[in-house]
């Protein structure tokens, strides 16, 4: 499965619901919880994980800058930053995999057309002719 970013997921949600993500978020706030709010929540968790990855990667890059000395005190910060980065990557992968699987299982419903008439209810069955109590010979 290709690596999907929160931007890719947002585009898929927009395609599925036929509206911009901001409009969908506003709409979901006024609705009872459902698939849209679940997808938006998964997208938010994915975006948060991506921001966390960027933050911890930048923090580690500052800690290991070539002009900076790494002493015993910095080692604990490096280990902590590495652990946090790994956690953020794991969250991103889990969220991306889950939301992609859900989106793959959904399809956009065709818009109802006003030109197509609603089907008439089936006509009642014709009554059966009463069968004679006497058997034919």
N, C-alpha and C. Protein backbone atom coordinates (compact mmCIF):
# COMPACT_ATOMS: atom_id res chain seq x y z
N UNK A 1 0.86 -1.18 0.00
CA UNK A 1 0.00 0.00 0.00
C UNK A 1 0.90 1.24 0.00
N UNK A 2 0.64 2.18 -0.89
CA UNK A 2 1.48 3.39 -0.92
C UNK A 2 1.28 4.23 0.33
N UNK A 3 2.31 4.99 0.66
CA UNK A 3 2.27 5.86 1.84
C UNK A 3 1.32 7.02 1.55
N UNK A 4 0.26 7.14 2.34
CA UNK A 4 -0.70 8.22 2.17
C UNK A 4 -0.49 9.28 3.24
N UNK A 5 -0.53 10.53 2.84
CA UNK A 5 -0.40 11.63 3.78
C UNK A 5 -1.78 12.16 4.13
N UNK A 6 -1.82 13.02 5.11
CA UNK A 6 -3.10 13.61 5.48
C UNK A 6 -3.68 14.43 4.32
N UNK A 7 -2.83 14.98 3.49
CA UNK A 7 -3.30 15.73 2.31
C UNK A 7 -3.98 14.78 1.32
N UNK A 8 -3.38 13.60 1.11
CA UNK A 8 -3.98 12.60 0.22
C UNK A 8 -5.33 12.15 0.78
N UNK A 9 -5.38 11.91 2.07
CA UNK A 9 -6.61 11.45 2.71
C UNK A 9 -7.68 12.54 2.62
N UNK A 10 -7.29 13.78 2.85
CA UNK A 10 -8.25 14.89 2.74
C UNK A 10 -8.85 14.93 1.34
N UNK A 11 -8.02 14.76 0.32
CA UNK A 11 -8.50 14.75 -1.05
C UNK A 11 -9.48 13.62 -1.31
N UNK A 12 -9.20 12.46 -0.75
CA UNK A 12 -10.10 11.32 -0.94
C UNK A 12 -11.44 11.55 -0.24
N UNK A 13 -11.39 12.15 0.95
CA UNK A 13 -12.64 12.46 1.67
C UNK A 13 -13.45 13.48 0.87
N UNK A 14 -12.77 14.50 0.36
CA UNK A 14 -13.45 15.52 -0.45
C UNK A 14 -14.08 14.90 -1.69
N UNK A 15 -13.36 13.99 -2.35
CA UNK A 15 -13.90 13.32 -3.54
C UNK A 15 -15.12 12.48 -3.18
N UNK A 16 -15.03 11.79 -2.05
CA UNK A 16 -16.13 10.90 -1.64
C UNK A 16 -17.39 11.68 -1.33
N UNK A 17 -17.24 12.82 -0.62
CA UNK A 17 -18.41 13.59 -0.21
C UNK A 17 -18.72 14.76 -1.14
N UNK A 18 -17.84 15.05 -2.10
CA UNK A 18 -18.11 16.09 -3.09
C UNK A 18 -18.12 17.50 -2.54
N UNK A 19 -17.30 17.76 -1.52
CA UNK A 19 -17.24 19.10 -0.93
C UNK A 19 -15.86 19.31 -0.32
N UNK A 20 -15.45 20.58 -0.16
CA UNK A 20 -14.16 20.86 0.49
C UNK A 20 -14.18 20.41 1.95
N UNK A 21 -13.00 20.05 2.45
CA UNK A 21 -12.88 19.53 3.81
C UNK A 21 -13.42 20.51 4.85
N UNK A 22 -13.17 21.80 4.67
CA UNK A 22 -13.67 22.79 5.64
C UNK A 22 -15.19 22.77 5.70
N UNK A 23 -15.83 22.66 4.54
CA UNK A 23 -17.30 22.60 4.51
C UNK A 23 -17.80 21.32 5.17
N UNK A 24 -17.09 20.22 4.92
CA UNK A 24 -17.50 18.95 5.53
C UNK A 24 -17.35 18.99 7.04
N UNK A 25 -16.28 19.63 7.53
CA UNK A 25 -16.09 19.75 8.98
C UNK A 25 -17.21 20.57 9.61
N UNK A 26 -17.59 21.66 8.95
CA UNK A 26 -18.69 22.49 9.46
C UNK A 26 -20.00 21.71 9.44
N UNK A 27 -20.23 20.98 8.38
CA UNK A 27 -21.46 20.17 8.26
C UNK A 27 -21.51 19.08 9.33
N UNK A 28 -20.37 18.43 9.58
CA UNK A 28 -20.32 17.31 10.54
C UNK A 28 -20.61 17.78 11.96
N UNK A 29 -20.29 19.03 12.27
CA UNK A 29 -20.54 19.55 13.62
C UNK A 29 -22.02 19.62 13.94
N UNK A 30 -22.85 19.78 12.91
CA UNK A 30 -24.29 19.91 13.10
C UNK A 30 -25.03 18.59 12.98
N UNK A 31 -24.30 17.49 12.76
CA UNK A 31 -24.91 16.20 12.52
C UNK A 31 -24.59 15.23 13.67
N UNK A 32 -25.41 14.21 13.85
CA UNK A 32 -25.05 13.17 14.81
C UNK A 32 -23.81 12.42 14.31
N UNK A 33 -23.05 11.81 15.20
CA UNK A 33 -21.85 11.09 14.77
C UNK A 33 -22.18 10.05 13.70
N UNK A 34 -21.32 9.98 12.72
CA UNK A 34 -21.51 9.03 11.63
C UNK A 34 -20.19 8.81 10.91
N UNK A 35 -20.26 8.28 9.72
CA UNK A 35 -19.06 7.96 8.95
C UNK A 35 -18.24 9.21 8.65
N UNK A 36 -18.89 10.31 8.31
CA UNK A 36 -18.15 11.54 8.00
C UNK A 36 -17.35 12.00 9.20
N UNK A 37 -17.96 12.05 10.37
CA UNK A 37 -17.24 12.51 11.55
C UNK A 37 -16.12 11.53 11.91
N UNK A 38 -16.31 10.24 11.68
CA UNK A 38 -15.26 9.26 11.94
C UNK A 38 -14.08 9.49 10.99
N UNK A 39 -14.37 9.70 9.72
CA UNK A 39 -13.30 9.95 8.74
C UNK A 39 -12.54 11.24 9.06
N UNK A 40 -13.28 12.27 9.44
CA UNK A 40 -12.63 13.54 9.78
C UNK A 40 -11.77 13.39 11.03
N UNK A 41 -12.23 12.63 12.00
CA UNK A 41 -11.43 12.38 13.20
C UNK A 41 -10.15 11.61 12.88
N UNK A 42 -10.26 10.62 12.01
CA UNK A 42 -9.07 9.87 11.60
C UNK A 42 -8.10 10.76 10.84
N UNK A 43 -8.65 11.64 10.00
CA UNK A 43 -7.80 12.57 9.27
C UNK A 43 -7.07 13.51 10.23
N UNK A 44 -7.79 14.02 11.24
CA UNK A 44 -7.16 14.91 12.22
C UNK A 44 -6.05 14.20 12.98
N UNK A 45 -6.27 12.94 13.37
CA UNK A 45 -5.24 12.18 14.08
C UNK A 45 -4.02 11.95 13.20
N UNK A 46 -4.26 11.70 11.92
CA UNK A 46 -3.16 11.52 10.98
C UNK A 46 -2.37 12.81 10.81
N UNK A 47 -3.07 13.93 10.67
CA UNK A 47 -2.39 15.22 10.52
C UNK A 47 -1.59 15.57 11.77
N UNK A 48 -2.14 15.28 12.94
CA UNK A 48 -1.41 15.53 14.19
C UNK A 48 -0.15 14.68 14.27
N UNK A 49 -0.25 13.43 13.88
CA UNK A 49 0.92 12.55 13.88
C UNK A 49 1.99 13.08 12.92
N UNK A 50 1.57 13.58 11.77
CA UNK A 50 2.54 14.13 10.82
C UNK A 50 3.23 15.37 11.38
N UNK A 51 2.48 16.22 12.05
CA UNK A 51 3.09 17.41 12.67
C UNK A 51 4.05 17.00 13.78
N UNK A 52 3.69 15.97 14.52
CA UNK A 52 4.55 15.47 15.59
C UNK A 52 5.85 14.89 15.01
N UNK A 53 5.75 14.19 13.90
CA UNK A 53 6.95 13.66 13.24
C UNK A 53 7.86 14.81 12.83
N UNK A 54 7.30 15.83 12.21
CA UNK A 54 8.11 16.98 11.79
C UNK A 54 8.78 17.64 12.99
N UNK A 55 8.02 17.84 14.07
CA UNK A 55 8.58 18.49 15.25
C UNK A 55 9.73 17.69 15.84
N UNK A 56 9.53 16.40 16.05
CA UNK A 56 10.57 15.58 16.69
C UNK A 56 11.77 15.37 15.77
N UNK A 57 11.54 15.29 14.47
CA UNK A 57 12.66 15.18 13.53
C UNK A 57 13.51 16.46 13.56
N UNK A 58 12.85 17.62 13.59
CA UNK A 58 13.59 18.88 13.65
C UNK A 58 14.33 19.02 14.98
N UNK A 59 13.68 18.59 16.05
CA UNK A 59 14.31 18.65 17.38
C UNK A 59 15.56 17.77 17.42
N UNK A 60 15.48 16.57 16.88
CA UNK A 60 16.64 15.69 16.84
C UNK A 60 17.74 16.27 15.96
N UNK A 61 17.36 16.89 14.85
CA UNK A 61 18.36 17.50 13.97
C UNK A 61 19.12 18.62 14.69
N UNK A 62 18.41 19.38 15.52
CA UNK A 62 19.09 20.43 16.30
C UNK A 62 20.02 19.83 17.34
N UNK A 63 19.59 18.72 17.95
CA UNK A 63 20.41 18.08 18.99
C UNK A 63 21.70 17.48 18.42
N UNK A 64 21.66 17.00 17.20
CA UNK A 64 22.85 16.37 16.63
C UNK A 64 23.58 17.27 15.63
N UNK A 65 23.30 18.55 15.68
CA UNK A 65 23.98 19.50 14.80
C UNK A 65 25.49 19.31 14.94
N UNK A 66 26.24 19.35 13.83
CA UNK A 66 27.69 19.09 13.88
C UNK A 66 28.47 20.01 14.81
N UNK A 67 28.02 21.22 15.02
CA UNK A 67 28.75 22.15 15.88
C UNK A 67 28.40 21.98 17.35
N UNK A 68 27.50 21.10 17.66
CA UNK A 68 27.04 20.91 19.04
C UNK A 68 27.72 19.70 19.64
N UNK A 69 28.14 19.84 20.89
CA UNK A 69 28.73 18.73 21.63
C UNK A 69 27.62 17.84 22.20
N UNK A 70 27.84 16.55 22.14
CA UNK A 70 26.87 15.62 22.71
C UNK A 70 27.50 15.02 23.95
N UNK A 71 26.96 15.42 25.10
CA UNK A 71 27.44 14.90 26.37
C UNK A 71 26.40 13.98 26.99
N UNK A 72 26.66 13.54 28.21
CA UNK A 72 25.73 12.62 28.88
C UNK A 72 24.31 13.20 29.03
N UNK A 73 24.22 14.49 29.26
CA UNK A 73 22.91 15.12 29.41
C UNK A 73 22.13 15.09 28.09
N UNK A 74 22.81 15.33 26.97
CA UNK A 74 22.15 15.35 25.67
C UNK A 74 21.72 13.96 25.21
N UNK A 75 22.43 12.92 25.68
CA UNK A 75 22.09 11.56 25.27
C UNK A 75 20.67 11.21 25.70
N UNK A 76 20.29 11.61 26.90
CA UNK A 76 18.92 11.30 27.36
C UNK A 76 17.89 12.04 26.50
N UNK A 77 18.22 13.25 26.07
CA UNK A 77 17.32 13.99 25.19
C UNK A 77 17.23 13.33 23.80
N UNK A 78 18.37 12.83 23.32
CA UNK A 78 18.37 12.12 22.04
C UNK A 78 17.51 10.86 22.11
N UNK A 79 17.67 10.11 23.17
CA UNK A 79 16.88 8.88 23.32
C UNK A 79 15.39 9.19 23.44
N UNK A 80 15.06 10.21 24.21
CA UNK A 80 13.66 10.59 24.37
C UNK A 80 13.07 11.07 23.04
N UNK A 81 13.82 11.89 22.34
CA UNK A 81 13.35 12.40 21.05
C UNK A 81 13.19 11.28 20.03
N UNK A 82 14.10 10.33 20.05
CA UNK A 82 14.01 9.19 19.14
C UNK A 82 12.79 8.34 19.46
N UNK A 83 12.53 8.12 20.74
CA UNK A 83 11.36 7.34 21.15
C UNK A 83 10.07 8.04 20.71
N UNK A 84 10.02 9.34 20.93
CA UNK A 84 8.82 10.10 20.55
C UNK A 84 8.62 10.12 19.03
N UNK A 85 9.71 10.21 18.30
CA UNK A 85 9.62 10.17 16.84
C UNK A 85 9.09 8.81 16.38
N UNK A 86 9.61 7.74 16.97
CA UNK A 86 9.14 6.40 16.61
C UNK A 86 7.65 6.23 16.93
N UNK A 87 7.21 6.76 18.06
CA UNK A 87 5.79 6.68 18.42
C UNK A 87 4.93 7.44 17.40
N UNK A 88 5.37 8.61 17.01
CA UNK A 88 4.61 9.41 16.05
C UNK A 88 4.53 8.70 14.70
N UNK A 89 5.62 8.06 14.29
CA UNK A 89 5.62 7.31 13.03
C UNK A 89 4.65 6.14 13.12
N UNK A 90 4.65 5.44 14.25
CA UNK A 90 3.73 4.31 14.42
C UNK A 90 2.27 4.76 14.39
N UNK A 91 1.97 5.89 15.03
CA UNK A 91 0.61 6.43 15.01
C UNK A 91 0.22 6.81 13.59
N UNK A 92 1.13 7.48 12.88
CA UNK A 92 0.83 7.88 11.51
C UNK A 92 0.54 6.67 10.64
N UNK A 93 1.36 5.63 10.75
CA UNK A 93 1.17 4.44 9.93
C UNK A 93 -0.15 3.76 10.25
N UNK A 94 -0.48 3.65 11.53
CA UNK A 94 -1.74 3.02 11.92
C UNK A 94 -2.94 3.82 11.42
N UNK A 95 -2.90 5.13 11.59
CA UNK A 95 -4.01 5.99 11.14
C UNK A 95 -4.14 5.96 9.62
N UNK A 96 -3.01 6.07 8.92
CA UNK A 96 -3.05 6.09 7.45
C UNK A 96 -3.59 4.77 6.91
N UNK A 97 -3.16 3.66 7.49
CA UNK A 97 -3.63 2.36 7.05
C UNK A 97 -5.12 2.20 7.30
N UNK A 98 -5.56 2.60 8.49
CA UNK A 98 -6.98 2.45 8.84
C UNK A 98 -7.88 3.32 7.97
N UNK A 99 -7.55 4.58 7.86
CA UNK A 99 -8.42 5.48 7.09
C UNK A 99 -8.40 5.12 5.61
N UNK A 100 -7.26 4.68 5.09
CA UNK A 100 -7.20 4.27 3.69
C UNK A 100 -8.07 3.04 3.45
N UNK A 101 -8.06 2.11 4.38
CA UNK A 101 -8.89 0.91 4.23
C UNK A 101 -10.37 1.26 4.27
N UNK A 102 -10.75 2.17 5.16
CA UNK A 102 -12.15 2.58 5.24
C UNK A 102 -12.55 3.31 3.96
N UNK A 103 -11.72 4.22 3.50
CA UNK A 103 -12.04 4.97 2.28
C UNK A 103 -12.12 4.06 1.06
N UNK A 104 -11.27 3.04 1.03
CA UNK A 104 -11.28 2.12 -0.10
C UNK A 104 -12.59 1.31 -0.13
N UNK A 105 -13.18 1.10 1.04
CA UNK A 105 -14.41 0.31 1.09
C UNK A 105 -15.65 1.14 0.75
N UNK A 106 -15.50 2.44 0.71
CA UNK A 106 -16.64 3.33 0.45
C UNK A 106 -16.63 3.81 -0.99
N UNK A 107 -17.81 4.04 -1.52
CA UNK A 107 -17.92 4.64 -2.84
C UNK A 107 -18.92 5.78 -2.75
N UNK A 108 -18.77 6.71 -3.63
CA UNK A 108 -19.67 7.86 -3.65
C UNK A 108 -21.01 7.44 -4.20
N UNK A 109 -22.05 7.76 -3.48
CA UNK A 109 -23.40 7.42 -3.92
C UNK A 109 -23.77 8.33 -5.08
N UNK A 110 -24.41 7.78 -6.10
CA UNK A 110 -24.83 8.63 -7.22
C UNK A 110 -25.89 9.62 -6.75
N UNK A 111 -25.83 10.81 -7.30
CA UNK A 111 -26.80 11.84 -6.94
C UNK A 111 -28.16 11.45 -7.49
N UNK A 112 -29.20 11.66 -6.71
CA UNK A 112 -30.53 11.32 -7.22
C UNK A 112 -30.90 12.27 -8.36
N UNK A 113 -31.54 11.72 -9.36
CA UNK A 113 -31.96 12.54 -10.49
C UNK A 113 -33.46 12.76 -10.40
N UNK A 114 -33.88 13.97 -10.67
CA UNK A 114 -35.31 14.28 -10.59
C UNK A 114 -36.04 13.80 -11.83
N UNK A 115 -35.31 13.50 -12.92
CA UNK A 115 -35.94 13.07 -14.16
C UNK A 115 -36.44 11.64 -14.07
N UNK A 116 -35.84 10.84 -13.22
CA UNK A 116 -36.28 9.44 -13.14
C UNK A 116 -37.48 9.33 -12.22
N UNK A 117 -38.56 8.75 -12.75
CA UNK A 117 -39.76 8.62 -11.92
C UNK A 117 -39.55 7.59 -10.83
N UNK A 118 -40.26 7.77 -9.75
CA UNK A 118 -40.19 6.79 -8.68
C UNK A 118 -40.99 5.58 -9.11
N UNK A 119 -40.47 4.39 -8.84
CA UNK A 119 -41.18 3.19 -9.28
C UNK A 119 -42.52 3.06 -8.56
N UNK A 120 -43.52 2.66 -9.33
CA UNK A 120 -44.86 2.47 -8.75
C UNK A 120 -44.87 1.18 -7.95
N UNK A 121 -45.65 1.13 -6.89
CA UNK A 121 -45.70 -0.12 -6.12
C UNK A 121 -46.31 -1.21 -7.00
N UNK A 122 -45.91 -2.45 -6.75
CA UNK A 122 -46.44 -3.53 -7.59
C UNK A 122 -47.95 -3.66 -7.42
N UNK A 123 -48.60 -4.01 -8.51
CA UNK A 123 -50.05 -4.19 -8.48
C UNK A 123 -50.40 -5.42 -7.66
N UNK A 124 -51.51 -5.38 -6.96
CA UNK A 124 -51.88 -6.56 -6.17
C UNK A 124 -52.18 -7.73 -7.11
N UNK A 125 -51.90 -8.91 -6.62
CA UNK A 125 -52.12 -10.12 -7.42
C UNK A 125 -53.60 -10.33 -7.64
N UNK A 126 -53.95 -10.81 -8.81
CA UNK A 126 -55.35 -11.10 -9.12
C UNK A 126 -55.81 -12.28 -8.27
N UNK A 127 -57.04 -12.21 -7.79
CA UNK A 127 -57.51 -13.33 -6.96
C UNK A 127 -57.61 -14.60 -7.79
N UNK A 128 -57.31 -15.69 -7.15
CA UNK A 128 -57.40 -16.98 -7.82
C UNK A 128 -58.86 -17.39 -7.91
N UNK A 129 -59.23 -18.04 -9.02
CA UNK A 129 -60.61 -18.52 -9.17
C UNK A 129 -60.85 -19.61 -8.13
N UNK A 130 -62.03 -19.58 -7.56
CA UNK A 130 -62.35 -20.57 -6.53
C UNK A 130 -62.34 -21.95 -7.15
N UNK A 131 -61.66 -22.85 -6.50
CA UNK A 131 -61.61 -24.22 -7.01
C UNK A 131 -62.83 -24.96 -6.55
N UNK A 132 -63.31 -25.78 -7.41
CA UNK A 132 -64.50 -26.56 -7.11
C UNK A 132 -64.18 -27.63 -6.07
N UNK A 133 -65.13 -27.88 -5.21
CA UNK A 133 -64.92 -28.90 -4.20
C UNK A 133 -65.01 -30.30 -4.79
N UNK A 134 -65.64 -30.42 -5.95
CA UNK A 134 -65.76 -31.73 -6.58
C UNK A 134 -64.59 -31.92 -7.54
N UNK A 135 -64.11 -33.08 -7.56
CA UNK A 135 -63.00 -33.38 -8.47
C UNK A 135 -63.53 -33.70 -9.84
N UNK A 136 -62.82 -33.31 -10.82
CA UNK A 136 -63.25 -33.64 -12.18
C UNK A 136 -62.92 -35.10 -12.46
N UNK A 137 -63.76 -35.74 -13.25
CA UNK A 137 -63.59 -37.18 -13.52
C UNK A 137 -62.88 -37.40 -14.76
